[in-house]
Protein backbone atom coordinates (compact mmCIF):
# COMPACT_ATOMS: atom_id res chain seq x y z
CA MET A 1 53.02 44.35 88.62
CA MET A 2 52.29 45.46 92.18
CA ILE A 3 49.55 47.95 92.99
CA GLY A 4 50.04 49.63 96.36
CA HIS A 5 51.91 48.14 99.36
CA GLN A 6 54.69 50.74 99.11
CA LYS A 7 55.42 50.76 102.86
CA GLN A 8 55.81 46.97 102.90
CA TRP A 9 58.10 47.15 99.88
CA ASP A 10 60.27 49.89 101.35
CA PHE A 11 60.60 47.98 104.63
CA LEU A 12 61.85 44.80 102.97
CA LYS A 13 64.02 46.64 100.46
CA ASN A 14 65.77 48.49 103.30
CA LYS A 15 66.32 45.21 105.16
CA PHE A 16 67.84 43.71 102.02
CA GLU A 17 70.09 46.69 101.32
CA SER A 18 71.32 46.77 104.91
CA GLY A 19 72.01 43.02 104.93
CA LYS A 20 69.45 42.42 107.68
CA LEU A 21 66.91 40.22 105.93
CA GLY A 22 65.19 37.65 108.09
CA HIS A 23 64.91 34.03 107.02
CA ALA A 24 61.13 33.65 107.40
CA TYR A 25 58.28 36.04 106.59
CA LEU A 26 54.52 35.76 106.93
CA PHE A 27 52.55 37.74 104.34
CA SER A 28 48.92 38.02 105.47
CA GLY A 29 45.79 39.87 104.43
CA GLU A 30 42.57 39.43 102.47
CA SER A 31 42.41 37.59 99.16
CA GLN A 32 43.36 39.28 95.87
CA LEU A 33 45.49 41.99 97.47
CA GLY A 34 48.58 40.90 95.55
CA LYS A 35 50.47 39.10 98.33
CA ARG A 36 51.76 36.33 96.05
CA THR A 37 52.70 38.84 93.34
CA PHE A 38 54.53 40.89 95.98
CA ALA A 39 56.44 37.78 97.13
CA LYS A 40 57.53 37.02 93.57
CA GLU A 41 58.60 40.64 92.98
CA PHE A 42 60.62 40.57 96.18
CA VAL A 43 62.42 37.40 95.10
CA LYS A 44 63.21 39.21 91.85
CA LEU A 45 64.62 42.16 93.79
CA ILE A 46 67.07 40.07 95.82
CA ASN A 47 68.19 38.18 92.71
CA CYS A 48 68.05 40.91 90.04
CA GLN A 49 71.32 41.22 88.15
CA GLU A 50 70.91 44.99 87.69
CA LYS A 51 70.81 45.73 91.46
CA LYS A 52 68.36 48.64 91.15
CA GLU A 53 65.63 50.10 93.37
CA LYS A 54 63.13 47.76 91.74
CA PRO A 55 63.50 44.54 89.73
CA CYS A 56 64.54 45.40 86.18
CA GLN A 57 62.20 42.74 84.73
CA LYS A 58 64.66 42.33 81.85
CA CYS A 59 67.63 40.35 83.19
CA GLN A 60 67.80 36.57 82.96
CA ASN A 61 66.99 36.11 86.65
CA CYS A 62 63.91 38.36 86.60
CA LYS A 63 62.57 36.63 83.50
CA MET A 64 63.12 33.15 84.94
CA ILE A 65 61.44 34.09 88.23
CA GLU A 66 58.46 35.53 86.34
CA GLY A 67 58.21 32.33 84.30
CA GLU A 68 58.71 30.19 87.44
CA ARG A 69 61.83 28.61 85.96
CA PHE A 70 64.36 30.06 88.40
CA PRO A 71 66.43 27.24 89.96
CA ASP A 72 66.78 29.05 93.31
CA LEU A 73 63.02 29.50 93.84
CA PHE A 74 60.61 26.79 94.98
CA THR A 75 56.90 27.65 95.01
CA ILE A 76 54.12 25.63 96.59
CA LYS A 77 50.72 26.35 95.01
CA ASN A 78 48.02 24.03 96.23
CA ASN A 79 45.05 25.44 94.26
CA GLY A 80 42.80 25.22 97.31
CA GLN A 81 43.85 21.68 98.21
CA GLU A 82 45.51 20.56 101.43
CA ILE A 83 49.29 20.99 101.54
CA THR A 84 50.76 17.69 102.69
CA ILE A 85 54.07 16.72 104.26
CA ASP A 86 55.32 15.53 100.85
CA LYS A 87 55.37 19.13 99.61
CA ALA A 88 57.08 20.28 102.79
CA ARG A 89 59.76 17.62 102.33
CA GLU A 90 60.27 18.69 98.72
CA ALA A 91 60.91 22.23 99.97
CA GLN A 92 63.30 20.93 102.62
CA ASN A 93 65.21 18.95 100.02
CA PHE A 94 65.35 22.02 97.75
CA LEU A 95 66.84 24.11 100.56
CA SER A 96 69.42 21.46 101.42
CA TYR A 97 71.38 22.22 98.23
CA LYS A 98 73.56 25.25 97.62
CA SER A 99 72.25 28.17 95.60
CA TYR A 100 72.65 27.63 91.87
CA TYR A 101 73.54 31.29 91.34
CA GLY A 102 75.32 31.80 94.65
CA SER A 103 72.60 34.06 96.05
CA PHE A 104 69.42 33.44 98.05
CA LYS A 105 67.38 30.25 97.93
CA SER A 106 63.72 31.15 98.35
CA VAL A 107 60.56 29.20 99.10
CA ILE A 108 57.07 30.69 98.68
CA ILE A 109 54.17 28.78 100.27
CA ASP A 110 50.89 30.11 98.89
CA GLU A 111 47.72 29.57 100.97
CA ALA A 112 49.93 28.46 103.84
CA GLU A 113 46.85 27.98 106.04
CA LYS A 114 46.13 24.87 103.94
CA MET A 115 49.17 23.06 105.36
CA ASN A 116 48.14 20.08 107.45
CA GLN A 117 49.68 19.45 110.88
CA GLU A 118 52.43 17.20 109.52
CA ALA A 119 53.45 19.70 106.85
CA GLN A 120 53.59 22.53 109.38
CA SER A 121 55.67 20.46 111.78
CA CYS A 122 58.05 19.65 108.94
CA PHE A 123 58.43 23.32 108.03
CA LEU A 124 58.93 24.24 111.67
CA LYS A 125 62.31 22.53 111.75
CA THR A 126 63.36 24.40 108.60
CA VAL A 127 62.28 27.73 110.09
CA GLU A 128 64.03 26.98 113.38
CA GLU A 129 67.29 25.90 111.76
CA PRO A 130 67.76 27.87 108.52
CA LYS A 131 70.82 27.09 106.42
CA GLY A 132 72.79 29.74 104.56
CA LYS A 133 71.03 32.47 102.59
CA THR A 134 67.54 31.05 102.86
CA ILE A 135 64.24 32.92 102.74
CA ILE A 136 60.86 31.29 103.36
CA ILE A 137 57.71 33.29 102.65
CA PHE A 138 54.40 32.01 104.00
CA VAL A 139 51.47 33.67 102.18
CA SER A 140 48.20 33.32 104.06
CA LEU A 141 44.63 34.57 104.32
CA ARG A 142 44.32 33.07 107.79
CA PRO A 143 47.63 33.32 109.68
CA GLU A 144 45.88 32.17 112.86
CA ALA A 145 45.62 28.71 111.25
CA LEU A 146 49.41 28.31 111.45
CA LEU A 147 51.12 26.71 114.41
CA PRO A 148 52.01 29.32 117.05
CA THR A 149 55.60 28.07 116.88
CA ILE A 150 55.76 28.89 113.14
CA PHE A 151 53.93 32.18 113.59
CA SER A 152 56.32 33.36 116.30
CA ARG A 153 59.41 32.64 114.19
CA CYS A 154 58.24 34.65 111.17
CA GLN A 155 58.47 38.37 110.56
CA PRO A 156 54.82 39.39 109.95
CA ILE A 157 54.07 41.60 106.94
CA LYS A 158 50.44 42.71 106.84
CA PHE A 159 48.78 43.71 103.55
CA PHE A 160 45.84 46.09 103.26
CA LEU A 161 43.31 47.22 100.67
CA ALA A 162 44.72 49.45 97.95
CA ARG A 163 43.39 52.94 97.40
CA LYS A 164 40.74 53.16 94.69
CA GLY A 165 42.78 55.82 92.88
CA LEU A 166 45.82 53.54 92.58
CA ILE A 167 43.75 50.76 91.02
CA GLU A 168 41.98 53.21 88.72
CA ASP A 169 45.29 54.73 87.56
CA TYR A 170 46.74 51.29 86.88
CA LEU A 171 43.74 50.30 84.76
CA LYS A 172 43.91 53.54 82.77
CA ASN A 173 47.61 52.91 82.14
CA GLN A 174 46.59 49.54 80.69
CA GLY A 175 44.37 51.30 78.17
CA VAL A 176 41.04 51.05 80.03
CA GLY A 177 38.75 54.05 79.50
CA LYS A 178 38.21 56.50 82.36
CA ASP A 179 34.59 55.54 83.14
CA LYS A 180 35.26 51.79 82.88
CA ALA A 181 38.39 52.12 85.02
CA GLU A 182 36.40 53.97 87.68
CA THR A 183 33.65 51.32 87.65
CA LEU A 184 36.10 48.43 87.89
CA ALA A 185 38.16 50.13 90.61
CA LEU A 186 35.04 50.70 92.71
CA ALA A 187 33.79 47.14 92.15
CA SER A 188 37.20 45.75 93.15
CA GLU A 189 36.70 47.02 96.73
CA GLY A 190 40.40 47.82 97.07
CA LYS A 191 41.63 44.47 95.76
CA PRO A 192 43.99 44.73 92.75
CA GLY A 193 43.54 41.05 91.88
CA ARG A 194 39.79 41.51 91.91
CA ALA A 195 40.09 44.49 89.54
CA MET A 196 42.07 42.41 87.05
CA GLU A 197 39.62 39.51 87.38
CA LEU A 198 36.73 41.84 86.56
CA PHE A 199 38.67 43.41 83.70
CA PHE A 200 39.26 40.07 81.99
CA ASN A 201 35.82 38.66 82.82
CA GLN A 202 33.35 41.51 83.07
CA GLY A 203 30.41 39.10 83.10
CA ILE A 204 31.24 38.50 86.77
CA ILE A 205 29.66 41.83 87.74
CA GLU A 206 26.33 40.95 86.12
CA LYS A 207 26.43 37.46 87.64
CA GLU A 208 27.00 38.91 91.11
CA LYS A 209 24.23 41.48 90.69
CA LYS A 210 21.81 38.69 89.80
CA LEU A 211 22.88 36.64 92.84
CA LEU A 212 22.72 39.73 95.05
CA ASN A 213 19.14 40.42 93.99
CA GLN A 214 18.19 36.79 94.70
CA LEU A 215 19.79 36.93 98.14
CA SER A 216 18.14 40.25 99.01
CA GLU A 217 14.77 38.57 98.47
CA ILE A 218 15.73 35.40 100.38
CA ILE A 219 17.13 37.35 103.34
CA ASN A 220 13.76 39.04 103.85
CA SER A 221 11.73 35.82 103.43
CA SER A 222 10.49 33.31 106.01
CA LEU A 223 12.73 30.68 107.59
CA ALA A 224 10.94 27.91 105.64
CA GLU A 225 11.57 29.74 102.36
CA LYS A 226 15.24 30.18 103.24
CA PHE A 227 15.68 26.45 103.88
CA GLN A 228 13.80 25.63 100.67
CA TYR A 229 16.16 27.94 98.75
CA VAL A 230 19.23 26.17 100.13
CA LYS A 231 17.71 22.74 99.51
CA LYS A 232 17.38 23.48 95.79
CA LEU A 233 21.00 24.60 95.45
CA GLU A 234 23.73 22.36 94.07
CA LEU A 235 26.38 23.78 96.35
CA GLU A 236 30.12 23.15 96.40
CA ASN A 237 32.66 24.85 98.67
CA ASN A 238 33.80 27.29 95.97
CA GLU A 239 30.16 28.28 95.31
CA LEU A 240 29.63 28.82 99.04
CA ASN A 241 32.58 31.21 99.01
CA GLU A 242 30.97 33.18 96.16
CA ILE A 243 27.67 33.44 98.04
CA LEU A 244 29.38 34.49 101.28
CA ALA A 245 31.36 37.16 99.44
CA VAL A 246 28.16 38.55 97.93
CA LEU A 247 26.38 38.45 101.31
CA ILE A 248 29.15 40.47 102.95
CA LYS A 249 28.95 42.92 100.05
CA TYR A 250 25.18 43.19 100.60
CA PHE A 251 25.51 44.08 104.28
CA ARG A 252 28.49 46.38 103.80
CA GLU A 253 26.55 48.40 101.25
CA ILE A 254 23.55 48.61 103.58
CA LEU A 255 25.99 49.78 106.28
CA PHE A 256 27.42 52.44 103.96
CA LEU A 257 23.93 53.64 103.03
CA LYS A 258 22.72 53.80 106.62
CA THR A 259 25.80 55.62 107.90
CA GLY A 260 26.17 57.89 104.89
CA ALA A 261 29.64 56.49 104.17
CA GLY A 262 28.55 55.64 100.66
CA LEU A 263 27.51 59.16 99.72
CA GLY A 264 29.05 60.16 96.42
CA GLN A 265 29.84 56.56 95.50
CA LYS A 266 28.10 54.33 92.99
CA ILE A 267 26.43 51.46 94.80
CA GLN A 268 26.93 48.34 92.70
CA ALA A 269 23.45 46.84 93.13
CA PRO A 270 19.97 47.97 94.19
CA ILE A 271 20.02 47.55 97.97
CA PRO A 272 16.75 47.99 99.85
CA LEU A 273 16.95 49.98 103.08
CA THR A 274 15.89 47.40 105.66
CA ASP A 275 14.98 47.70 109.32
CA TYR A 276 18.31 46.22 110.39
CA SER A 277 20.02 48.16 113.16
CA LEU A 278 23.67 49.08 112.73
CA GLN A 279 24.56 46.61 115.48
CA LYS A 280 22.71 43.80 113.69
CA ILE A 281 24.38 44.62 110.37
CA LYS A 282 27.81 44.49 112.01
CA LYS A 283 26.96 41.17 113.68
CA ASN A 284 25.86 39.75 110.33
CA ILE A 285 29.15 40.78 108.73
CA GLU A 286 31.11 39.23 111.62
CA LEU A 287 29.12 35.99 111.35
CA ILE A 288 29.67 35.65 107.59
CA ASP A 289 33.36 36.49 107.98
CA TYR A 290 33.66 33.79 110.68
CA ILE A 291 32.08 31.16 108.40
CA GLN A 292 34.39 32.24 105.57
CA ARG A 293 37.38 31.70 107.84
CA GLN A 294 36.16 28.26 108.91
CA ALA A 295 35.48 27.25 105.30
CA SER A 296 39.00 28.29 104.26
CA VAL A 297 40.60 25.99 106.84
CA TYR A 298 38.14 23.14 107.43
CA ASN A 299 36.05 20.94 105.15
CA ILE A 300 32.64 22.18 106.29
CA ASN A 301 29.26 21.22 104.81
CA PRO A 302 28.39 24.16 102.51
CA LYS A 303 24.61 23.68 102.70
CA LEU A 304 24.56 23.49 106.49
CA ALA A 305 26.78 26.56 106.68
CA LEU A 306 24.48 28.55 104.40
CA GLU A 307 21.35 27.38 106.24
CA TYR A 308 22.88 28.50 109.53
CA ILE A 309 23.79 31.93 108.15
CA LEU A 310 20.38 32.55 106.56
CA ALA A 311 18.67 31.49 109.80
CA GLU A 312 20.75 33.91 111.85
CA ILE A 313 20.71 37.04 109.70
């Protein structure tokens, strides 16, 4: 189920109903916003046998799409790995055949920024010369990592953080108590996928608090102590991502406290008021975000990346 993104939905639904759908779309935005879920729901809409305002979720097509068994949908999920030209060729081959149900043939490429140069070049030809009722949806955290020639041929659809109230209402409709729903919605930081992750694994919050407290001490320690901390870590790329996410959370909450933007909200961890200026806090957030972007596209050394960040902040 989608949470939020009503404007994006209405835009695409109107294009579909007016017969003016494009053949290539680029869904972009932060992680866990529901971009991939949105893409799947849209494929349901254009193939739903009931032809309603929203997918009925009950017809054969909707059920097959949900179970990823629909013959007119090809999905590339790389699970964080590089997307190679072999996958791109599989998608090309899939699109070369006529629709099984006589409707749209759709391809969803999740984490499209993970496509290597060869895969992107292969997809470029498909985007430039679409055949029949074809829709390709690139889902990406980092659209700037795509070739400019692919980017320019796609209709961009930008996704944003969902309102806390929407996430809270969804959780309550799932049977979550009011206080718990409020806590999870706040901790999700506007990300529906994050809210569901916390709901099913609530130990994550305690784990992050523990890491946040460790980092708050390390940030205010000497350079030698920072390097010693990193040296002791057994750090993989996925663990670096967790640390960077917590670091950004740390500085955002300091920013909220210093500017008063967090008044009336429950801060998720004990954050000491430091002597950081607002300008320095913003620079720290920009630096961490930059490293996150690099780590999502390139195979960087996680320890060197963390050492660099801790030395700079």
